[in-house]
C-alpha cells in the first residue's frame, strides 16, 4: 500500500516593522540586526542627503525629489511619508516578493509609514506584520543621545524632541513596545520578538 503523501508545512514571511523617535537607538539596532543573515533588510528610498558613512543602495536609495514623486504617482510605494522635510518610502514589490517566498523582511519606517502599511488593502502584507516601537527610557535620555550624536543644530535638536513627544503617542498602535537599553540589550530583545513571531501557528501553511 502506497504511503500517503504529506504536505510539508511552509512558513510565510514575517514583515518586521521597526519605528522609533529620532535618537532612540533605531539606527544602531538596525545595523546590529543587519549582521544576522536570516532576513532581508528592505532598503528605503529617501530624498535627504546621505550622512557620513552612508552608502547608496545599502543604507538608503538616495533619490532626487522629482524621481521620488514620480514613483509615488506610479504607485510604487507600500508606504511613503514626509519626515523632517524629506521624503521616505518603501518599494512594495520588493517586500511582497520576499514575503511570498517565505523570507522575513525588516522595515525601518516612521510612525506615518507604519500606519500606512497597517492600512494596506493587501491581505498578505497585513497578515505578515509584526510591528515594534523602540522607546527611549525618558526624554532626558533621548536629549542626551541626540547631543552625543552631534548631527543636529540646536534648532534641529528641539524640533526632533518635539516630534519625539508626538511620535511616542503612537506607541499603542504597535504590537510590541521595546524600552531601549544598551545596544546589546535592544538587539537581544528584538531577536526574541523575531523568534516568537516565526513560531506562530498561523504563519504555517500546507497549501
N, C-alpha and C. Protein backbone atom coordinates (compact mmCIF):
# COMPACT_ATOMS: atom_id res chain seq x y z
N UNK A 1 0.85 -1.20 0.00
CA UNK A 1 0.00 0.00 0.00
C UNK A 1 0.88 1.25 0.00
N UNK A 2 0.61 2.13 -0.92
CA UNK A 2 1.44 3.33 -1.03
C UNK A 2 1.24 4.24 0.16
N UNK A 3 2.33 4.81 0.61
CA UNK A 3 2.24 5.74 1.74
C UNK A 3 1.54 7.01 1.29
N UNK A 4 0.76 7.55 2.21
CA UNK A 4 0.06 8.80 1.92
C UNK A 4 1.07 9.94 1.82
N UNK A 5 0.85 10.79 0.85
CA UNK A 5 1.74 11.94 0.71
C UNK A 5 1.44 12.95 1.82
N UNK A 6 2.48 13.55 2.33
CA UNK A 6 2.34 14.52 3.42
C UNK A 6 2.84 15.87 2.93
N UNK A 7 2.01 16.85 3.07
CA UNK A 7 2.41 18.20 2.69
C UNK A 7 3.26 18.80 3.81
N UNK A 8 4.46 19.19 3.46
CA UNK A 8 5.36 19.78 4.45
C UNK A 8 4.93 21.23 4.70
N UNK A 9 4.72 21.59 5.98
CA UNK A 9 4.31 22.97 6.28
C UNK A 9 5.34 23.98 5.77
N UNK A 10 4.85 25.06 5.26
CA UNK A 10 5.71 26.13 4.75
C UNK A 10 5.39 27.40 5.50
N UNK A 11 6.42 28.03 6.04
CA UNK A 11 6.20 29.25 6.83
C UNK A 11 6.17 30.47 5.91
N UNK A 12 5.19 31.31 6.12
CA UNK A 12 5.13 32.56 5.36
C UNK A 12 6.11 33.56 5.95
N UNK A 13 6.54 34.51 5.14
CA UNK A 13 7.48 35.52 5.61
C UNK A 13 6.82 36.48 6.59
N UNK A 14 7.61 36.98 7.52
CA UNK A 14 7.14 37.95 8.51
C UNK A 14 7.65 39.33 8.13
N UNK A 15 6.78 40.32 8.22
CA UNK A 15 7.17 41.70 7.94
C UNK A 15 7.41 42.41 9.27
N UNK A 16 8.67 42.48 9.67
CA UNK A 16 9.03 43.15 10.92
C UNK A 16 9.18 44.65 10.65
N UNK A 17 8.40 45.44 11.38
CA UNK A 17 8.44 46.89 11.23
C UNK A 17 9.07 47.48 12.48
N UNK A 18 10.09 48.30 12.31
CA UNK A 18 10.78 48.95 13.42
C UNK A 18 10.63 50.46 13.31
N UNK A 19 10.07 51.06 14.36
CA UNK A 19 9.93 52.52 14.41
C UNK A 19 10.47 53.02 15.74
N UNK A 20 10.88 54.28 15.75
CA UNK A 20 11.38 54.89 16.98
C UNK A 20 11.54 56.39 16.77
N UNK A 21 11.47 57.18 17.83
CA UNK A 21 11.81 58.59 17.69
C UNK A 21 13.28 58.74 17.31
N UNK A 22 13.62 59.81 16.63
CA UNK A 22 15.00 60.07 16.24
C UNK A 22 15.88 60.12 17.48
N UNK A 23 16.96 59.33 17.48
CA UNK A 23 17.88 59.32 18.60
C UNK A 23 17.63 58.23 19.62
N UNK A 24 16.57 57.44 19.43
CA UNK A 24 16.23 56.40 20.40
C UNK A 24 17.09 55.15 20.27
N UNK A 25 17.88 55.05 19.21
CA UNK A 25 18.75 53.90 19.04
C UNK A 25 18.36 53.00 17.89
N UNK A 26 17.43 53.46 17.05
CA UNK A 26 16.94 52.63 15.96
C UNK A 26 18.03 52.29 14.95
N UNK A 27 18.83 53.26 14.56
CA UNK A 27 19.87 53.02 13.57
C UNK A 27 20.90 52.03 14.08
N UNK A 28 21.30 52.18 15.35
CA UNK A 28 22.25 51.25 15.95
C UNK A 28 21.68 49.84 15.98
N UNK A 29 20.42 49.71 16.39
CA UNK A 29 19.77 48.40 16.42
C UNK A 29 19.67 47.82 15.01
N UNK A 30 19.27 48.63 14.06
CA UNK A 30 19.14 48.17 12.68
C UNK A 30 20.47 47.63 12.17
N UNK A 31 21.57 48.34 12.45
CA UNK A 31 22.88 47.91 11.97
C UNK A 31 23.33 46.61 12.63
N UNK A 32 22.99 46.41 13.90
CA UNK A 32 23.31 45.15 14.56
C UNK A 32 22.50 44.01 13.96
N UNK A 33 21.23 44.26 13.69
CA UNK A 33 20.36 43.24 13.13
C UNK A 33 20.81 42.84 11.73
N UNK A 34 21.33 43.78 10.97
CA UNK A 34 21.74 43.51 9.59
C UNK A 34 22.91 42.52 9.52
N UNK A 35 23.57 42.28 10.64
CA UNK A 35 24.68 41.33 10.65
C UNK A 35 24.17 39.88 10.67
N UNK A 36 22.89 39.69 10.99
CA UNK A 36 22.33 38.35 11.02
C UNK A 36 21.72 38.05 9.65
N UNK A 37 21.96 36.85 9.11
CA UNK A 37 21.61 36.57 7.71
C UNK A 37 20.24 35.94 7.50
N UNK A 38 19.38 35.92 8.51
CA UNK A 38 18.12 35.17 8.38
C UNK A 38 16.92 36.03 8.03
N UNK A 39 17.15 37.20 7.50
CA UNK A 39 16.07 38.05 7.00
C UNK A 39 16.65 39.01 5.97
N UNK A 40 15.75 39.68 5.26
CA UNK A 40 16.16 40.69 4.29
C UNK A 40 15.84 42.07 4.86
N UNK A 41 16.81 42.97 4.81
CA UNK A 41 16.55 44.35 5.21
C UNK A 41 16.09 45.13 4.00
N UNK A 42 14.88 45.66 4.07
CA UNK A 42 14.34 46.42 2.95
C UNK A 42 14.92 47.83 2.97
N UNK A 43 15.65 48.16 1.93
CA UNK A 43 16.28 49.47 1.83
C UNK A 43 15.26 50.49 1.35
N UNK A 44 15.03 51.52 2.15
CA UNK A 44 14.05 52.56 1.81
C UNK A 44 14.64 53.59 0.86
N UNK A 45 13.75 54.30 0.20
CA UNK A 45 14.13 55.44 -0.63
C UNK A 45 13.98 56.72 0.18
N UNK A 46 14.84 57.69 -0.06
CA UNK A 46 14.72 58.97 0.62
C UNK A 46 15.27 60.09 -0.25
N UNK A 47 14.78 61.30 0.02
CA UNK A 47 15.28 62.47 -0.70
C UNK A 47 16.28 63.26 0.14
N UNK A 48 16.54 62.81 1.37
CA UNK A 48 17.51 63.54 2.19
C UNK A 48 18.93 63.24 1.73
N UNK A 49 19.86 64.11 2.15
CA UNK A 49 21.26 63.92 1.79
C UNK A 49 21.88 62.81 2.64
N UNK A 50 22.82 62.05 2.07
CA UNK A 50 23.48 60.99 2.85
C UNK A 50 24.27 61.57 4.01
N UNK A 51 24.22 60.88 5.16
CA UNK A 51 25.09 61.23 6.28
C UNK A 51 26.45 60.58 6.06
N UNK A 52 27.41 61.01 6.83
CA UNK A 52 28.76 60.46 6.72
C UNK A 52 28.75 58.95 6.89
N UNK A 53 29.32 58.24 5.94
CA UNK A 53 29.42 56.80 6.02
C UNK A 53 28.27 56.05 5.39
N UNK A 54 27.17 56.72 5.07
CA UNK A 54 26.03 56.04 4.45
C UNK A 54 26.31 55.75 2.98
N UNK A 55 25.83 54.58 2.53
CA UNK A 55 26.09 54.12 1.18
C UNK A 55 24.78 53.96 0.41
N UNK A 56 24.74 54.51 -0.79
CA UNK A 56 23.56 54.38 -1.65
C UNK A 56 23.33 52.90 -1.97
N UNK A 57 22.09 52.44 -1.76
CA UNK A 57 21.75 51.05 -2.05
C UNK A 57 21.94 50.12 -0.88
N UNK A 58 22.64 50.57 0.16
CA UNK A 58 22.83 49.77 1.37
C UNK A 58 22.07 50.36 2.55
N UNK A 59 22.26 51.66 2.79
CA UNK A 59 21.53 52.32 3.87
C UNK A 59 20.19 52.86 3.37
N UNK A 60 20.22 53.55 2.25
CA UNK A 60 19.03 54.08 1.59
C UNK A 60 19.31 54.15 0.10
N UNK A 61 18.22 54.28 -0.68
CA UNK A 61 18.34 54.72 -2.06
C UNK A 61 18.12 56.23 -2.03
N UNK A 62 19.15 56.99 -2.29
CA UNK A 62 19.07 58.44 -2.22
C UNK A 62 18.59 58.97 -3.57
N UNK A 63 17.35 59.49 -3.59
CA UNK A 63 16.72 59.92 -4.83
C UNK A 63 16.53 61.42 -4.86
N UNK A 64 16.49 61.96 -6.07
CA UNK A 64 16.08 63.34 -6.25
C UNK A 64 14.57 63.42 -6.02
N UNK A 65 14.09 64.57 -5.57
CA UNK A 65 12.68 64.71 -5.25
C UNK A 65 11.80 64.42 -6.46
N UNK A 66 12.21 64.84 -7.64
CA UNK A 66 11.42 64.62 -8.86
C UNK A 66 11.24 63.12 -9.12
N UNK A 67 12.30 62.34 -8.93
CA UNK A 67 12.25 60.89 -9.13
C UNK A 67 11.35 60.25 -8.08
N UNK A 68 11.47 60.69 -6.84
CA UNK A 68 10.66 60.13 -5.76
C UNK A 68 9.17 60.37 -6.04
N UNK A 69 8.82 61.59 -6.38
CA UNK A 69 7.41 61.93 -6.61
C UNK A 69 6.85 61.19 -7.82
N UNK A 70 7.68 60.92 -8.80
CA UNK A 70 7.24 60.13 -9.96
C UNK A 70 6.88 58.70 -9.53
N UNK A 71 7.67 58.15 -8.62
CA UNK A 71 7.39 56.81 -8.10
C UNK A 71 6.11 56.80 -7.27
N UNK A 72 5.87 57.88 -6.54
CA UNK A 72 4.61 58.00 -5.79
C UNK A 72 3.43 57.98 -6.75
N UNK A 73 3.55 58.75 -7.81
CA UNK A 73 2.49 58.83 -8.82
C UNK A 73 2.23 57.48 -9.48
N UNK A 74 3.29 56.69 -9.65
CA UNK A 74 3.17 55.37 -10.28
C UNK A 74 2.65 54.31 -9.31
N UNK A 75 2.52 54.66 -8.02
CA UNK A 75 2.03 53.70 -7.03
C UNK A 75 3.05 52.65 -6.65
N UNK A 76 4.33 52.99 -6.73
CA UNK A 76 5.39 52.02 -6.47
C UNK A 76 5.61 51.76 -4.98
N UNK A 77 5.14 52.66 -4.12
CA UNK A 77 5.48 52.57 -2.70
C UNK A 77 4.40 51.86 -1.89
N UNK A 78 4.86 51.00 -0.98
CA UNK A 78 3.99 50.41 0.02
C UNK A 78 3.59 51.46 1.03
N UNK A 79 4.53 52.32 1.35
CA UNK A 79 4.28 53.46 2.23
C UNK A 79 5.26 54.56 1.85
N UNK A 80 4.85 55.78 2.12
CA UNK A 80 5.75 56.91 1.93
C UNK A 80 5.28 58.05 2.82
N UNK A 81 6.22 58.88 3.22
CA UNK A 81 5.88 59.96 4.16
C UNK A 81 6.92 61.07 4.06
N UNK A 82 6.51 62.24 4.53
CA UNK A 82 7.42 63.37 4.67
C UNK A 82 7.85 63.44 6.13
N UNK A 83 9.14 63.34 6.38
CA UNK A 83 9.67 63.36 7.74
C UNK A 83 10.83 64.35 7.80
N UNK A 84 10.74 65.31 8.72
CA UNK A 84 11.79 66.33 8.86
C UNK A 84 12.13 66.97 7.51
N UNK A 85 11.08 67.26 6.73
CA UNK A 85 11.18 67.96 5.46
C UNK A 85 11.82 67.12 4.34
N UNK A 86 11.90 65.81 4.54
CA UNK A 86 12.42 64.92 3.50
C UNK A 86 11.43 63.78 3.26
N UNK A 87 11.42 63.26 2.02
CA UNK A 87 10.54 62.15 1.67
C UNK A 87 11.23 60.81 1.96
N UNK A 88 10.43 59.85 2.44
CA UNK A 88 10.89 58.48 2.66
C UNK A 88 9.84 57.53 2.10
N UNK A 89 10.27 56.38 1.57
CA UNK A 89 9.29 55.44 1.04
C UNK A 89 9.86 54.03 0.91
N UNK A 90 8.96 53.03 0.95
CA UNK A 90 9.32 51.61 0.83
C UNK A 90 8.70 51.04 -0.44
N UNK A 91 9.50 50.43 -1.27
CA UNK A 91 9.01 49.85 -2.52
C UNK A 91 8.20 48.58 -2.24
N UNK A 92 6.98 48.53 -2.75
CA UNK A 92 6.04 47.44 -2.46
C UNK A 92 6.51 46.09 -2.99
N UNK A 93 6.90 46.03 -4.24
CA UNK A 93 7.19 44.76 -4.87
C UNK A 93 8.35 44.03 -4.20
N UNK A 94 9.36 44.78 -3.75
CA UNK A 94 10.49 44.16 -3.08
C UNK A 94 10.04 43.43 -1.82
N UNK A 95 9.18 44.07 -1.06
CA UNK A 95 8.67 43.47 0.18
C UNK A 95 7.82 42.25 -0.13
N UNK A 96 6.88 42.41 -1.04
CA UNK A 96 5.93 41.34 -1.34
C UNK A 96 6.62 40.12 -1.92
N UNK A 97 7.58 40.31 -2.79
CA UNK A 97 8.29 39.18 -3.40
C UNK A 97 8.95 38.32 -2.33
N UNK A 98 9.58 38.94 -1.35
CA UNK A 98 10.25 38.19 -0.29
C UNK A 98 9.26 37.47 0.61
N UNK A 99 8.18 38.14 1.00
CA UNK A 99 7.19 37.52 1.87
C UNK A 99 6.59 36.28 1.22
N UNK A 100 6.31 36.36 -0.07
CA UNK A 100 5.72 35.22 -0.78
C UNK A 100 6.68 34.04 -0.90
N UNK A 101 7.98 34.31 -0.80
CA UNK A 101 8.98 33.25 -0.83
C UNK A 101 9.25 32.68 0.57
N UNK A 102 8.57 33.23 1.59
CA UNK A 102 8.81 32.78 2.95
C UNK A 102 10.01 33.43 3.60
N UNK A 103 10.48 34.53 3.04
CA UNK A 103 11.64 35.25 3.56
C UNK A 103 11.16 36.41 4.43
N UNK A 104 11.71 36.52 5.63
CA UNK A 104 11.34 37.62 6.53
C UNK A 104 11.96 38.93 6.06
N UNK A 105 11.24 40.02 6.29
CA UNK A 105 11.67 41.34 5.85
C UNK A 105 11.66 42.28 7.05
N UNK A 106 12.70 43.08 7.18
CA UNK A 106 12.77 44.11 8.22
C UNK A 106 12.65 45.48 7.58
N UNK A 107 11.69 46.27 8.05
CA UNK A 107 11.50 47.63 7.58
C UNK A 107 11.79 48.61 8.70
N UNK A 108 12.54 49.64 8.38
CA UNK A 108 12.83 50.74 9.31
C UNK A 108 12.02 51.93 8.81
N UNK A 109 10.87 52.20 9.45
CA UNK A 109 9.99 53.27 9.00
C UNK A 109 9.51 54.11 10.18
N UNK A 110 9.02 55.31 9.89
CA UNK A 110 8.48 56.17 10.94
C UNK A 110 7.03 55.78 11.22
N UNK A 111 6.40 56.48 12.17
CA UNK A 111 5.03 56.11 12.57
C UNK A 111 4.02 56.31 11.45
N UNK A 112 4.26 57.31 10.58
CA UNK A 112 3.35 57.51 9.45
C UNK A 112 3.42 56.33 8.48
N UNK A 113 4.65 55.88 8.20
CA UNK A 113 4.82 54.76 7.30
C UNK A 113 4.23 53.49 7.85
N UNK A 114 4.42 53.26 9.15
CA UNK A 114 3.86 52.06 9.79
C UNK A 114 2.34 52.07 9.70
N UNK A 115 1.73 53.23 9.92
CA UNK A 115 0.27 53.32 9.84
C UNK A 115 -0.24 53.04 8.44
N UNK A 116 0.49 53.51 7.42
CA UNK A 116 0.09 53.26 6.04
C UNK A 116 0.18 51.77 5.71
N UNK A 117 1.21 51.10 6.22
CA UNK A 117 1.36 49.67 5.96
C UNK A 117 0.22 48.89 6.63
N UNK A 118 -0.12 49.25 7.87
CA UNK A 118 -1.23 48.58 8.56
C UNK A 118 -2.53 48.75 7.79
N UNK A 119 -2.68 49.87 7.10
CA UNK A 119 -3.92 50.17 6.39
C UNK A 119 -3.95 49.63 4.97
N UNK A 120 -2.89 48.94 4.54
CA UNK A 120 -2.84 48.44 3.18
C UNK A 120 -4.00 47.48 2.90
N UNK A 121 -4.44 47.46 1.66
CA UNK A 121 -5.52 46.55 1.26
C UNK A 121 -4.98 45.17 0.91
N UNK A 122 -3.67 45.04 0.88
CA UNK A 122 -3.07 43.76 0.51
C UNK A 122 -3.07 42.83 1.73
N UNK A 123 -3.88 41.78 1.67
CA UNK A 123 -4.08 40.90 2.82
C UNK A 123 -2.80 40.20 3.25
N UNK A 124 -2.00 39.75 2.31
CA UNK A 124 -0.76 39.04 2.66
C UNK A 124 0.18 39.93 3.45
N UNK A 125 0.24 41.18 3.09
CA UNK A 125 1.11 42.11 3.81
C UNK A 125 0.56 42.38 5.20
N UNK A 126 -0.75 42.61 5.31
CA UNK A 126 -1.35 42.85 6.63
C UNK A 126 -1.12 41.67 7.57
N UNK A 127 -1.31 40.45 7.06
CA UNK A 127 -1.14 39.26 7.90
C UNK A 127 0.31 39.05 8.33
N UNK A 128 1.24 39.59 7.56
CA UNK A 128 2.66 39.36 7.83
C UNK A 128 3.23 40.31 8.89
N UNK A 129 2.50 41.35 9.24
CA UNK A 129 3.06 42.43 10.07
C UNK A 129 3.34 42.00 11.51
N UNK A 130 4.53 42.38 11.97
CA UNK A 130 4.90 42.32 13.40
C UNK A 130 5.63 43.63 13.68
N UNK A 131 4.91 44.60 14.23
CA UNK A 131 5.48 45.94 14.38
C UNK A 131 5.99 46.20 15.79
N UNK A 132 7.14 46.88 15.84
CA UNK A 132 7.85 47.12 17.10
C UNK A 132 8.19 48.60 17.21
N UNK A 133 7.85 49.20 18.36
CA UNK A 133 8.20 50.61 18.61
C UNK A 133 9.29 50.62 19.67
N UNK A 134 10.46 51.16 19.29
CA UNK A 134 11.59 51.28 20.21
C UNK A 134 11.49 52.60 20.96
N UNK A 135 11.38 52.52 22.28
CA UNK A 135 11.12 53.69 23.11
C UNK A 135 12.35 54.11 23.91
N UNK A 136 12.62 55.41 23.99
CA UNK A 136 13.70 55.86 24.88
C UNK A 136 13.26 55.72 26.33
N UNK A 137 14.23 55.57 27.24
CA UNK A 137 13.90 55.45 28.65
C UNK A 137 13.23 56.69 29.20
N UNK A 138 13.58 57.86 28.66
CA UNK A 138 12.99 59.13 29.08
C UNK A 138 13.35 60.18 28.03
N UNK A 139 12.68 61.31 28.08
CA UNK A 139 13.00 62.38 27.15
C UNK A 139 14.39 62.96 27.47
N UNK A 140 14.78 62.92 28.73
CA UNK A 140 16.12 63.38 29.12
C UNK A 140 17.19 62.48 28.48
N UNK A 141 16.93 61.17 28.48
CA UNK A 141 17.86 60.24 27.86
C UNK A 141 17.90 60.45 26.34
N UNK A 142 16.76 60.73 25.75
CA UNK A 142 16.72 60.99 24.32
C UNK A 142 17.52 62.23 23.98
N UNK A 143 17.37 63.28 24.76
CA UNK A 143 18.14 64.52 24.54
C UNK A 143 19.65 64.22 24.64
N UNK A 144 20.03 63.42 25.64
CA UNK A 144 21.45 63.09 25.83
C UNK A 144 21.99 62.36 24.61
N UNK A 145 21.21 61.42 24.08
CA UNK A 145 21.67 60.65 22.92
C UNK A 145 21.80 61.54 21.68
N UNK A 146 20.85 62.45 21.50
CA UNK A 146 20.93 63.34 20.34
C UNK A 146 22.12 64.29 20.44
N UNK A 147 22.38 64.77 21.64
CA UNK A 147 23.53 65.65 21.85
C UNK A 147 24.83 64.90 21.59
N UNK A 148 24.88 63.65 22.04
CA UNK A 148 26.08 62.83 21.83
C UNK A 148 26.30 62.56 20.35
N UNK A 149 25.19 62.38 19.61
CA UNK A 149 25.30 62.12 18.18
C UNK A 149 25.92 63.30 17.46
N UNK A 150 25.53 64.51 17.85
CA UNK A 150 26.15 65.72 17.33
C UNK A 150 25.90 66.01 15.87
N UNK A 151 24.77 65.55 15.34
CA UNK A 151 24.49 65.75 13.91
C UNK A 151 23.43 66.83 13.68
N UNK A 152 22.88 67.41 14.75
CA UNK A 152 21.82 68.41 14.60
C UNK A 152 22.26 69.74 15.19
N UNK A 153 21.76 70.81 14.60
CA UNK A 153 21.92 72.13 15.18
C UNK A 153 21.00 72.23 16.39
N UNK A 154 21.20 73.22 17.28
CA UNK A 154 20.29 73.36 18.42
C UNK A 154 18.82 73.47 18.01
N UNK A 155 18.56 74.15 16.90
CA UNK A 155 17.18 74.28 16.42
C UNK A 155 16.65 72.92 15.95
N UNK A 156 17.45 72.18 15.21
CA UNK A 156 17.04 70.85 14.75
C UNK A 156 16.83 69.89 15.92
N UNK A 157 17.66 70.03 16.94
CA UNK A 157 17.52 69.19 18.13
C UNK A 157 16.17 69.39 18.79
N UNK A 158 15.76 70.66 18.94
CA UNK A 158 14.48 70.94 19.58
C UNK A 158 13.31 70.44 18.73
N UNK A 159 13.44 70.54 17.41
CA UNK A 159 12.40 70.03 16.52
C UNK A 159 12.26 68.53 16.68
N UNK A 160 13.38 67.83 16.74
CA UNK A 160 13.34 66.37 16.89
C UNK A 160 12.76 65.96 18.24
N UNK A 161 13.04 66.71 19.28
CA UNK A 161 12.48 66.39 20.60
C UNK A 161 10.97 66.63 20.62
N UNK A 162 10.52 67.71 19.97
CA UNK A 162 9.07 67.96 19.88
C UNK A 162 8.39 66.86 19.08
N UNK A 163 9.02 66.47 17.97
CA UNK A 163 8.46 65.40 17.15
C UNK A 163 8.42 64.09 17.92
N UNK A 164 9.46 63.84 18.73
CA UNK A 164 9.51 62.60 19.52
C UNK A 164 8.35 62.52 20.50
N UNK A 165 8.00 63.65 21.09
CA UNK A 165 6.88 63.67 22.04
C UNK A 165 5.59 63.24 21.34
N UNK A 166 5.39 63.71 20.11
CA UNK A 166 4.20 63.32 19.35
C UNK A 166 4.27 61.87 18.90
N UNK A 167 5.46 61.45 18.46
CA UNK A 167 5.63 60.07 17.99
C UNK A 167 5.36 59.05 19.09
N UNK A 168 5.72 59.40 20.32
CA UNK A 168 5.53 58.48 21.45
C UNK A 168 4.04 58.17 21.66
N UNK A 169 3.17 59.09 21.25
CA UNK A 169 1.73 58.87 21.42
C UNK A 169 1.22 57.73 20.53
N UNK A 170 1.98 57.39 19.51
CA UNK A 170 1.56 56.34 18.58
C UNK A 170 2.01 54.95 19.02
N UNK A 171 2.71 54.85 20.13
CA UNK A 171 3.30 53.56 20.52
C UNK A 171 2.25 52.48 20.77
N UNK A 172 1.03 52.88 21.16
CA UNK A 172 -0.02 51.89 21.47
C UNK A 172 -0.55 51.20 20.21
N UNK A 173 -0.25 51.76 19.03
CA UNK A 173 -0.69 51.13 17.79
C UNK A 173 0.19 49.95 17.40
N UNK A 174 1.33 49.80 18.08
CA UNK A 174 2.29 48.75 17.76
C UNK A 174 2.04 47.50 18.61
N UNK A 175 2.29 46.35 18.03
CA UNK A 175 2.13 45.09 18.75
C UNK A 175 3.12 44.99 19.91
N UNK A 176 4.33 45.51 19.70
CA UNK A 176 5.36 45.44 20.72
C UNK A 176 5.92 46.84 21.01
N UNK A 177 6.14 47.12 22.30
CA UNK A 177 6.87 48.31 22.73
C UNK A 177 8.15 47.83 23.40
N UNK A 178 9.28 48.26 22.87
CA UNK A 178 10.58 47.83 23.37
C UNK A 178 11.29 49.02 24.01
N UNK A 179 11.50 48.94 25.33
CA UNK A 179 12.17 50.02 26.05
C UNK A 179 13.67 49.92 25.80
N UNK A 180 14.25 50.94 25.21
CA UNK A 180 15.65 50.90 24.81
C UNK A 180 16.58 50.91 26.02
N UNK A 181 17.56 50.01 25.96
CA UNK A 181 18.62 49.97 26.97
C UNK A 181 19.96 50.14 26.28
N UNK A 182 20.86 49.20 26.50
CA UNK A 182 22.12 49.22 25.76
C UNK A 182 21.87 48.65 24.36
N UNK A 183 22.76 48.92 23.41
CA UNK A 183 22.59 48.34 22.07
C UNK A 183 22.48 46.82 22.11
N UNK A 184 23.25 46.18 22.98
CA UNK A 184 23.22 44.72 23.07
C UNK A 184 21.87 44.24 23.60
N UNK A 185 21.32 44.94 24.59
CA UNK A 185 20.01 44.57 25.13
C UNK A 185 18.92 44.74 24.10
N UNK A 186 18.98 45.86 23.36
CA UNK A 186 17.98 46.09 22.31
C UNK A 186 18.04 44.99 21.26
N UNK A 187 19.25 44.59 20.89
CA UNK A 187 19.43 43.54 19.89
C UNK A 187 18.84 42.22 20.37
N UNK A 188 19.17 41.82 21.59
CA UNK A 188 18.70 40.54 22.12
C UNK A 188 17.18 40.54 22.26
N UNK A 189 16.60 41.64 22.71
CA UNK A 189 15.14 41.72 22.87
C UNK A 189 14.42 41.67 21.53
N UNK A 190 14.97 42.37 20.54
CA UNK A 190 14.33 42.35 19.23
C UNK A 190 14.43 40.97 18.60
N UNK A 191 15.58 40.32 18.77
CA UNK A 191 15.73 38.97 18.23
C UNK A 191 14.75 37.99 18.90
N UNK A 192 14.46 38.20 20.18
CA UNK A 192 13.48 37.35 20.87
C UNK A 192 12.10 37.52 20.25
N UNK A 193 11.75 38.75 19.90
CA UNK A 193 10.47 39.01 19.24
C UNK A 193 10.42 38.32 17.88
N UNK A 194 11.51 38.41 17.14
CA UNK A 194 11.57 37.77 15.82
C UNK A 194 11.36 36.26 15.94
N UNK A 195 12.02 35.66 16.92
CA UNK A 195 11.90 34.22 17.10
C UNK A 195 10.46 33.83 17.44
N UNK A 196 9.84 34.56 18.36
CA UNK A 196 8.46 34.25 18.76
C UNK A 196 7.50 34.37 17.59
N UNK A 197 7.65 35.41 16.78
CA UNK A 197 6.75 35.60 15.64
C UNK A 197 6.89 34.48 14.62
N UNK A 198 8.08 33.95 14.47
CA UNK A 198 8.31 32.89 13.50
C UNK A 198 7.63 31.58 13.90
N UNK A 199 7.36 31.42 15.21
CA UNK A 199 6.75 30.18 15.70
C UNK A 199 5.23 30.26 15.80
N UNK A 200 4.63 31.38 15.41
CA UNK A 200 3.17 31.47 15.47
C UNK A 200 2.55 30.45 14.52
N UNK A 201 1.58 29.71 15.03
CA UNK A 201 0.97 28.64 14.23
C UNK A 201 0.30 29.18 12.97
N UNK A 202 -0.23 30.39 13.02
CA UNK A 202 -0.94 30.92 11.85
C UNK A 202 0.01 31.23 10.70
N UNK A 203 1.31 31.22 10.95
CA UNK A 203 2.27 31.51 9.88
C UNK A 203 2.65 30.25 9.10
N UNK A 204 2.16 29.09 9.54
CA UNK A 204 2.44 27.85 8.83
C UNK A 204 1.28 27.48 7.90
N UNK A 205 1.63 27.03 6.73
CA UNK A 205 0.62 26.62 5.75
C UNK A 205 1.07 25.35 5.05
N UNK A 206 0.11 24.47 4.73
CA UNK A 206 0.42 23.24 3.98
C UNK A 206 -0.06 23.33 2.54
N UNK A 207 -0.52 24.51 2.16
CA UNK A 207 -1.02 24.69 0.79
C UNK A 207 0.13 24.79 -0.20
